C-alpha cells in the first residue's frame, strides 16, 4: 500500500470513528458504538503514523 493510499484510508477511518463517537446514543448499544469508534480512531491514527512500505 502506498503512503498516499494509506493516508487516504487513515483519514477516512478517522472520520468514520469520529462520526461513531458523535452519534453514539446513551444506551448499552451506544456504549458499544463508542468503544468501536475509539478503536477505529486508534486504527486510523496508527495508519497515519506508519512509515515505509506496506
PDB file of N, CA and C in Angstrom:
ATOM      1  N   UNK A   1       0.855  -1.172   0.000  1.00  0.00           N
ATOM      2  CA  UNK A   1       0.000   0.000   0.000  1.00  0.00           C
ATOM      3  C   UNK A   1       0.901   1.235   0.000  1.00  0.00           C
ATOM      4  N   UNK A   2       0.634   2.153  -0.884  1.00  0.00           N
ATOM      5  CA  UNK A   2       1.450   3.358  -0.966  1.00  0.00           C
ATOM      6  C   UNK A   2       1.117   4.304   0.180  1.00  0.00           C
ATOM      7  N   UNK A   3       2.014   5.228   0.417  1.00  0.00           N
ATOM      8  CA  UNK A   3       1.821   6.189   1.500  1.00  0.00           C
ATOM      9  C   UNK A   3       0.570   7.030   1.267  1.00  0.00           C
ATOM     10  N   UNK A   4       0.352   7.436   0.018  1.00  0.00           N
ATOM     11  CA  UNK A   4      -0.826   8.249  -0.294  1.00  0.00           C
ATOM     12  C   UNK A   4      -2.111   7.476  -0.018  1.00  0.00           C
ATOM     13  N   UNK A   5      -2.172   6.206  -0.447  1.00  0.00           N
ATOM     14  CA  UNK A   5      -3.362   5.379  -0.205  1.00  0.00           C
ATOM     15  C   UNK A   5      -3.576   5.141   1.283  1.00  0.00           C
ATOM     16  N   UNK A   6      -2.487   4.893   1.996  1.00  0.00           N
ATOM     17  CA  UNK A   6      -2.592   4.652   3.440  1.00  0.00           C
ATOM     18  C   UNK A   6      -3.102   5.917   4.142  1.00  0.00           C
ATOM     19  N   UNK A   7      -2.632   7.082   3.707  1.00  0.00           N
ATOM     20  CA  UNK A   7      -3.076   8.340   4.313  1.00  0.00           C
ATOM     21  C   UNK A   7      -4.560   8.586   4.038  1.00  0.00           C
ATOM     22  N   UNK A   8      -4.997   8.327   2.809  1.00  0.00           N
ATOM     23  CA  UNK A   8      -6.416   8.494   2.468  1.00  0.00           C
ATOM     24  C   UNK A   8      -7.269   7.550   3.306  1.00  0.00           C
ATOM     25  N   UNK A   9      -6.840   6.299   3.433  1.00  0.00           N
ATOM     26  CA  UNK A   9      -7.567   5.316   4.239  1.00  0.00           C
ATOM     27  C   UNK A   9      -7.609   5.752   5.699  1.00  0.00           C
ATOM     28  N   UNK A  10      -6.492   6.248   6.213  1.00  0.00           N
ATOM     29  CA  UNK A  10      -6.430   6.679   7.611  1.00  0.00           C
ATOM     30  C   UNK A  10      -7.383   7.840   7.872  1.00  0.00           C
ATOM     31  N   UNK A  11      -7.416   8.809   6.965  1.00  0.00           N
ATOM     32  CA  UNK A  11      -8.317   9.951   7.139  1.00  0.00           C
ATOM     33  C   UNK A  11      -9.778   9.487   7.117  1.00  0.00           C
ATOM     34  N   UNK A  12     -10.107   8.585   6.193  1.00  0.00           N
ATOM     35  CA  UNK A  12     -11.462   8.044   6.117  1.00  0.00           C
ATOM     36  C   UNK A  12     -11.832   7.318   7.412  1.00  0.00           C
ATOM     37  N   UNK A  13     -10.916   6.500   7.918  1.00  0.00           N
ATOM     38  CA  UNK A  13     -11.169   5.746   9.153  1.00  0.00           C
ATOM     39  C   UNK A  13     -11.347   6.704  10.336  1.00  0.00           C
ATOM     40  N   UNK A  14     -10.535   7.751  10.395  1.00  0.00           N
ATOM     41  CA  UNK A  14     -10.657   8.721  11.483  1.00  0.00           C
ATOM     42  C   UNK A  14     -12.008   9.424  11.427  1.00  0.00           C
ATOM     43  N   UNK A  15     -12.463   9.776  10.231  1.00  0.00           N
ATOM     44  CA  UNK A  15     -13.766  10.433  10.083  1.00  0.00           C
ATOM     45  C   UNK A  15     -14.896   9.507  10.513  1.00  0.00           C
ATOM     46  N   UNK A  16     -14.831   8.227  10.101  1.00  0.00           N
ATOM     47  CA  UNK A  16     -15.865   7.261  10.493  1.00  0.00           C
ATOM     48  C   UNK A  16     -15.873   7.096  12.016  1.00  0.00           C
ATOM     49  N   UNK A  17     -14.699   6.996  12.617  1.00  0.00           N
ATOM     50  CA  UNK A  17     -14.618   6.877  14.075  1.00  0.00           C
ATOM     51  C   UNK A  17     -15.194   8.090  14.780  1.00  0.00           C
ATOM     52  N   UNK A  18     -14.900   9.276  14.255  1.00  0.00           N
ATOM     53  CA  UNK A  18     -15.436  10.498  14.855  1.00  0.00           C
ATOM     54  C   UNK A  18     -16.960  10.544  14.752  1.00  0.00           C
ATOM     55  N   UNK A  19     -17.501  10.115  13.612  1.00  0.00           N
ATOM     56  CA  UNK A  19     -18.959  10.077  13.458  1.00  0.00           C
ATOM     57  C   UNK A  19     -19.591   9.097  14.440  1.00  0.00           C
ATOM     58  N   UNK A  20     -18.952   7.942  14.649  1.00  0.00           N
ATOM     59  CA  UNK A  20     -19.474   6.976  15.621  1.00  0.00           C
ATOM     60  C   UNK A  20     -19.459   7.572  17.026  1.00  0.00           C
ATOM     61  N   UNK A  21     -18.374   8.280  17.361  1.00  0.00           N
ATOM     62  CA  UNK A  21     -18.304   8.910  18.682  1.00  0.00           C
ATOM     63  C   UNK A  21     -19.377   9.984  18.832  1.00  0.00           C
ATOM     64  N   UNK A  22     -19.612  10.728  17.782  1.00  0.00           N
ATOM     65  CA  UNK A  22     -20.572  11.823  17.828  1.00  0.00           C
ATOM     66  C   UNK A  22     -22.009  11.338  17.951  1.00  0.00           C
ATOM     67  N   UNK A  23     -22.354  10.281  17.244  1.00  0.00           N
ATOM     68  CA  UNK A  23     -23.744   9.842  17.169  1.00  0.00           C
ATOM     69  C   UNK A  23     -24.090   8.663  18.083  1.00  0.00           C
ATOM     70  N   UNK A  24     -23.184   8.266  18.969  1.00  0.00           N
ATOM     71  CA  UNK A  24     -23.468   7.157  19.876  1.00  0.00           C
ATOM     72  C   UNK A  24     -24.539   7.575  20.891  1.00  0.00           C
ATOM     73  N   UNK A  25     -25.677   6.873  20.925  1.00  0.00           N
ATOM     74  CA  UNK A  25     -26.728   7.217  21.884  1.00  0.00           C
ATOM     75  C   UNK A  25     -26.357   6.765  23.300  1.00  0.00           C
ATOM     76  N   UNK A  26     -27.064   7.316  24.274  1.00  0.00           N
ATOM     77  CA  UNK A  26     -26.809   6.950  25.670  1.00  0.00           C
ATOM     78  C   UNK A  26     -27.616   5.705  26.034  1.00  0.00           C
ATOM     79  N   UNK A  27     -27.154   4.565  25.573  1.00  0.00           N
ATOM     80  CA  UNK A  27     -27.778   3.279  25.857  1.00  0.00           C
ATOM     81  C   UNK A  27     -26.682   2.225  25.767  1.00  0.00           C
ATOM     82  N   UNK A  28     -26.985   0.974  26.142  1.00  0.00           N
ATOM     83  CA  UNK A  28     -25.956  -0.072  26.014  1.00  0.00           C
ATOM     84  C   UNK A  28     -25.415  -0.189  24.586  1.00  0.00           C
ATOM     85  N   UNK A  29     -26.278  -0.062  23.598  1.00  0.00           N
ATOM     86  CA  UNK A  29     -25.819  -0.098  22.210  1.00  0.00           C
ATOM     87  C   UNK A  29     -24.926   1.081  21.888  1.00  0.00           C
ATOM     88  N   UNK A  30     -25.207   2.226  22.493  1.00  0.00           N
ATOM     89  CA  UNK A  30     -24.385   3.413  22.297  1.00  0.00           C
ATOM     90  C   UNK A  30     -22.998   3.252  22.878  1.00  0.00           C
ATOM     91  N   UNK A  31     -22.910   2.541  23.999  1.00  0.00           N
ATOM     92  CA  UNK A  31     -21.606   2.276  24.606  1.00  0.00           C
ATOM     93  C   UNK A  31     -20.767   1.418  23.666  1.00  0.00           C
ATOM     94  N   UNK A  32     -21.399   0.438  23.039  1.00  0.00           N
ATOM     95  CA  UNK A  32     -20.697  -0.406  22.063  1.00  0.00           C
ATOM     96  C   UNK A  32     -20.210   0.460  20.897  1.00  0.00           C
ATOM     97  N   UNK A  33     -21.070   1.346  20.390  1.00  0.00           N
ATOM     98  CA  UNK A  33     -20.669   2.244  19.310  1.00  0.00           C
ATOM     99  C   UNK A  33     -19.526   3.147  19.738  1.00  0.00           C
ATOM    100  N   UNK A  34     -19.550   3.617  20.966  1.00  0.00           N
ATOM    101  CA  UNK A  34     -18.490   4.465  21.478  1.00  0.00           C
ATOM    102  C   UNK A  34     -17.156   3.717  21.501  1.00  0.00           C
ATOM    103  N   UNK A  35     -17.171   2.484  21.992  1.00  0.00           N
ATOM    104  CA  UNK A  35     -15.951   1.673  22.044  1.00  0.00           C
ATOM    105  C   UNK A  35     -15.440   1.383  20.635  1.00  0.00           C
ATOM    106  N   UNK A  36     -16.351   1.048  19.719  1.00  0.00           N
ATOM    107  CA  UNK A  36     -15.953   0.798  18.331  1.00  0.00           C
ATOM    108  C   UNK A  36     -15.380   2.076  17.719  1.00  0.00           C
ATOM    109  N   UNK A  37     -15.994   3.203  18.001  1.00  0.00           N
ATOM    110  CA  UNK A  37     -15.488   4.478  17.499  1.00  0.00           C
ATOM    111  C   UNK A  37     -14.082   4.774  17.983  1.00  0.00           C
ATOM    112  N   UNK A  38     -13.836   4.522  19.256  1.00  0.00           N
ATOM    113  CA  UNK A  38     -12.495   4.736  19.811  1.00  0.00           C
ATOM    114  C   UNK A  38     -11.490   3.802  19.153  1.00  0.00           C
ATOM    115  N   UNK A  39     -11.867   2.544  18.971  1.00  0.00           N
ATOM    116  CA  UNK A  39     -10.974   1.582  18.322  1.00  0.00           C
ATOM    117  C   UNK A  39     -10.659   2.010  16.894  1.00  0.00           C
ATOM    118  N   UNK A  40     -11.668   2.484  16.175  1.00  0.00           N
ATOM    119  CA  UNK A  40     -11.461   2.927  14.800  1.00  0.00           C
ATOM    120  C   UNK A  40     -10.550   4.156  14.773  1.00  0.00           C
ATOM    121  N   UNK A  41     -10.717   5.062  15.721  1.00  0.00           N
ATOM    122  CA  UNK A  41      -9.835   6.225  15.803  1.00  0.00           C
ATOM    123  C   UNK A  41      -8.387   5.789  16.007  1.00  0.00           C
ATOM    124  N   UNK A  42      -8.167   4.828  16.903  1.00  0.00           N
ATOM    125  CA  UNK A  42      -6.811   4.345  17.167  1.00  0.00           C
ATOM    126  C   UNK A  42      -6.211   3.722  15.915  1.00  0.00           C
ATOM    127  N   UNK A  43      -7.005   2.921  15.197  1.00  0.00           N
ATOM    128  CA  UNK A  43      -6.523   2.297  13.959  1.00  0.00           C
ATOM    129  C   UNK A  43      -6.169   3.375  12.936  1.00  0.00           C
ATOM    130  N   UNK A  44      -7.024   4.362  12.781  1.00  0.00           N
ATOM    131  CA  UNK A  44      -6.755   5.434  11.828  1.00  0.00           C
ATOM    132  C   UNK A  44      -5.509   6.216  12.159  1.00  0.00           C
ATOM    133  N   UNK A  45      -5.328   6.530  13.422  1.00  0.00           N
ATOM    134  CA  UNK A  45      -4.133   7.282  13.841  1.00  0.00           C
ATOM    135  C   UNK A  45      -2.895   6.431  13.643  1.00  0.00           C
ATOM    136  N   UNK A  46      -2.969   5.137  13.940  1.00  0.00           N
ATOM    137  CA  UNK A  46      -1.842   4.242  13.736  1.00  0.00           C
ATOM    138  C   UNK A  46      -1.459   4.170  12.261  1.00  0.00           C
ATOM    139  N   UNK A  47      -2.450   4.056  11.385  1.00  0.00           N
ATOM    140  CA  UNK A  47      -2.165   4.037   9.957  1.00  0.00           C
ATOM    141  C   UNK A  47      -1.525   5.346   9.509  1.00  0.00           C
ATOM    142  N   UNK A  48      -1.973   6.439  10.061  1.00  0.00           N
ATOM    143  CA  UNK A  48      -1.426   7.752   9.697  1.00  0.00           C
ATOM    144  C   UNK A  48       0.039   7.857  10.119  1.00  0.00           C
ATOM    145  N   UNK A  49       0.388   7.259  11.239  1.00  0.00           N
ATOM    146  CA  UNK A  49       1.744   7.363  11.771  1.00  0.00           C
ATOM    147  C   UNK A  49       2.720   6.380  11.146  1.00  0.00           C
ATOM    148  N   UNK A  50       2.216   5.313  10.507  1.00  0.00           N
ATOM    149  CA  UNK A  50       3.090   4.294   9.916  1.00  0.00           C
ATOM    150  C   UNK A  50       3.938   4.890   8.802  1.00  0.00           C
ATOM    151  N   UNK A  51       5.185   4.423   8.731  1.00  0.00           N
ATOM    152  CA  UNK A  51       6.078   4.872   7.678  1.00  0.00           C
ATOM    153  C   UNK A  51       6.614   3.662   6.939  1.00  0.00           C
ATOM    154  N   UNK A  52       7.047   3.879   5.711  1.00  0.00           N
ATOM    155  CA  UNK A  52       7.614   2.796   4.922  1.00  0.00           C
ATOM    156  C   UNK A  52       6.563   2.081   4.101  1.00  0.00           C
ATOM    157  N   UNK A  53       6.982   1.039   3.398  1.00  0.00           N
ATOM    158  CA  UNK A  53       6.092   0.294   2.529  1.00  0.00           C
ATOM    159  C   UNK A  53       5.181  -0.620   3.306  1.00  0.00           C
ATOM    160  N   UNK A  54       4.124  -1.068   2.633  1.00  0.00           N
ATOM    161  CA  UNK A  54       3.158  -1.889   3.353  1.00  0.00           C
ATOM    162  C   UNK A  54       2.769  -3.079   2.626  1.00  0.00           C
TER     163      UNK A  54
END
